[in-house]
Amino acid sequence: MQSLAPVVAPFGVDVSIVEPAAVASSFTESVHRAAPGPYADLQQAYLDRTSQAFASAQPAEDAAMTVVEAATTSAPRFRWQTSDAAIRFASLSLGDLDGSRVLGVTRTWLRSDT
C-alpha cells in the first residue's frame, strides 16, 4: 500500500490502511482444525492464545467506526489504528527495522507453554 499511495495520489485517490488488533468475533470458532500431525499442536496453541486475546478484544462496532472515519474524513491519513493494542503493535512493527522484535512477540503466539 505504501507503494500504491503515491502512484494514485495524482488522480485524487487517497490510500488508507486500517490496522486493527484483536476484534471481538467468532473467528476461532470457525477455524478449520488441522488433522493430527505436525501442525495440530501449533494451531491449537495459536487458537488458545487468540481465544484469550479475543476475550478482551475491542467490539467490532468500534473497529468499524474507524473504517468509516478513514473512508469519509476530509483529512485522510495513510495509517489508522483502531485501538490502543493496535497502536502498540503498529509502533512495534514500524520501529523494528530487521523484524526481530515482531518475530519475538509473534513467535510466542505458537507456544503452548505461555
Protein backbone atom coordinates (compact mmCIF):
# COMPACT_ATOMS: atom_id res chain seq x y z
CA MET A 1 0.00 0.00 0.00
CA GLN A 2 2.88 2.37 0.66
CA SER A 3 3.92 1.92 -2.97
CA LEU A 4 0.38 2.41 -4.25
CA ALA A 5 -0.35 5.64 -2.35
CA PRO A 6 1.99 7.95 -4.30
CA VAL A 7 1.02 6.36 -7.63
CA VAL A 8 -2.70 7.06 -7.24
CA ALA A 9 -2.39 10.39 -5.39
CA PRO A 10 -2.15 12.46 -8.63
CA PHE A 11 -5.55 11.05 -9.56
CA GLY A 12 -7.17 12.27 -6.36
CA VAL A 13 -7.17 8.86 -4.69
CA ASP A 14 -6.13 8.62 -1.05
CA VAL A 15 -4.93 5.27 0.27
CA SER A 16 -5.52 4.43 3.91
CA ILE A 17 -4.59 1.33 5.87
CA VAL A 18 -6.79 0.41 8.81
CA GLU A 19 -4.78 -1.60 11.35
CA PRO A 20 -6.90 -3.38 13.95
CA ALA A 21 -5.67 -5.57 16.75
CA ALA A 22 -7.99 -8.30 18.03
CA VAL A 23 -11.62 -7.56 17.21
CA ALA A 24 -14.34 -9.46 19.06
CA SER A 25 -15.69 -12.12 16.70
CA SER A 26 -16.27 -15.82 16.36
CA PHE A 27 -13.02 -16.22 14.41
CA THR A 28 -11.60 -19.05 16.50
CA GLU A 29 -14.88 -20.95 16.45
CA SER A 30 -14.96 -21.04 12.65
CA VAL A 31 -11.34 -22.08 12.02
CA HIS A 32 -10.90 -25.47 10.40
CA ARG A 33 -8.96 -27.66 12.81
CA ALA A 34 -5.83 -29.34 11.49
CA ALA A 35 -5.81 -33.11 11.32
CA PRO A 36 -3.45 -34.81 13.76
CA GLY A 37 0.05 -34.20 12.50
CA PRO A 38 2.93 -31.75 12.71
CA TYR A 39 0.77 -28.60 12.66
CA ALA A 40 -2.01 -29.57 15.05
CA ASP A 41 -0.17 -28.56 18.25
CA LEU A 42 0.92 -25.23 16.73
CA GLN A 43 -2.60 -24.49 15.58
CA GLN A 44 -4.06 -25.34 18.98
CA ALA A 45 -1.53 -23.11 20.76
CA TYR A 46 -2.36 -20.26 18.37
CA LEU A 47 -6.11 -20.74 18.82
CA ASP A 48 -5.76 -20.88 22.62
CA ARG A 49 -3.79 -17.61 22.61
CA THR A 50 -6.15 -16.00 20.11
CA SER A 51 -9.23 -17.01 22.08
CA GLN A 52 -7.74 -15.28 25.13
CA ALA A 53 -6.95 -12.16 23.12
CA PHE A 54 -10.43 -12.07 21.62
CA ALA A 55 -11.99 -12.35 25.09
CA SER A 56 -10.81 -8.80 25.79
CA ALA A 57 -10.87 -7.55 22.20
CA GLN A 58 -12.43 -4.34 21.03
CA PRO A 59 -16.00 -4.59 19.79
CA ALA A 60 -16.41 -4.93 16.03
CA GLU A 61 -18.53 -1.76 16.04
CA ASP A 62 -15.58 0.26 17.40
CA ALA A 63 -13.27 -1.04 14.69
CA ALA A 64 -15.95 -0.31 12.10
CA MET A 65 -16.20 3.30 13.28
CA THR A 66 -12.50 3.73 12.44
CA VAL A 67 -13.08 2.25 8.97
CA VAL A 68 -15.97 4.65 8.37
CA GLU A 69 -13.92 7.60 9.61
CA ALA A 70 -10.99 6.66 7.36
CA ALA A 71 -13.32 6.39 4.37
CA THR A 72 -15.21 9.63 4.96
CA THR A 73 -12.77 12.06 6.54
CA SER A 74 -11.87 15.31 4.85
CA ALA A 75 -8.34 14.93 6.26
CA PRO A 76 -7.19 11.47 5.12
CA ARG A 77 -4.10 9.86 6.54
CA PHE A 78 -2.23 6.75 5.50
CA ARG A 79 -2.38 4.72 8.74
CA TRP A 80 -5.33 4.28 11.11
CA GLN A 81 -5.19 2.07 14.19
CA THR A 82 -8.49 1.02 15.74
CA SER A 83 -7.40 0.57 19.38
CA ASP A 84 -4.59 1.10 21.86
CA ALA A 85 -3.50 -2.51 21.26
CA ALA A 86 -3.28 -1.79 17.54
CA ILE A 87 -1.23 1.34 18.21
CA ARG A 88 1.20 -0.66 20.36
CA PHE A 89 1.65 -3.37 17.72
CA ALA A 90 1.96 -0.91 14.82
CA SER A 91 4.56 1.04 16.80
CA LEU A 92 6.49 -2.16 17.47
CA SER A 93 6.33 -3.20 13.84
CA LEU A 94 7.23 0.17 12.33
CA GLY A 95 10.21 0.64 14.65
CA ASP A 96 11.58 -2.87 14.08
CA LEU A 97 13.88 -2.48 11.09
CA ASP A 98 15.07 -6.09 10.96
CA GLY A 99 11.84 -7.71 12.18
CA SER A 100 13.40 -9.46 15.16
CA ARG A 101 11.21 -7.84 17.82
CA VAL A 102 8.00 -8.58 15.94
CA LEU A 103 9.08 -12.19 15.41
CA GLY A 104 9.97 -12.45 19.09
CA VAL A 105 6.47 -11.36 20.06
CA THR A 106 4.53 -13.31 17.45
CA ARG A 107 6.58 -16.47 17.96
CA THR A 108 5.08 -16.71 21.47
CA TRP A 109 1.63 -16.97 19.87
CA LEU A 110 2.51 -20.52 18.82
CA ARG A 111 3.95 -21.75 22.12
CA SER A 112 1.76 -23.84 24.34
CA ASP A 113 3.85 -23.07 27.45
CA THR A 114 2.96 -19.34 27.61
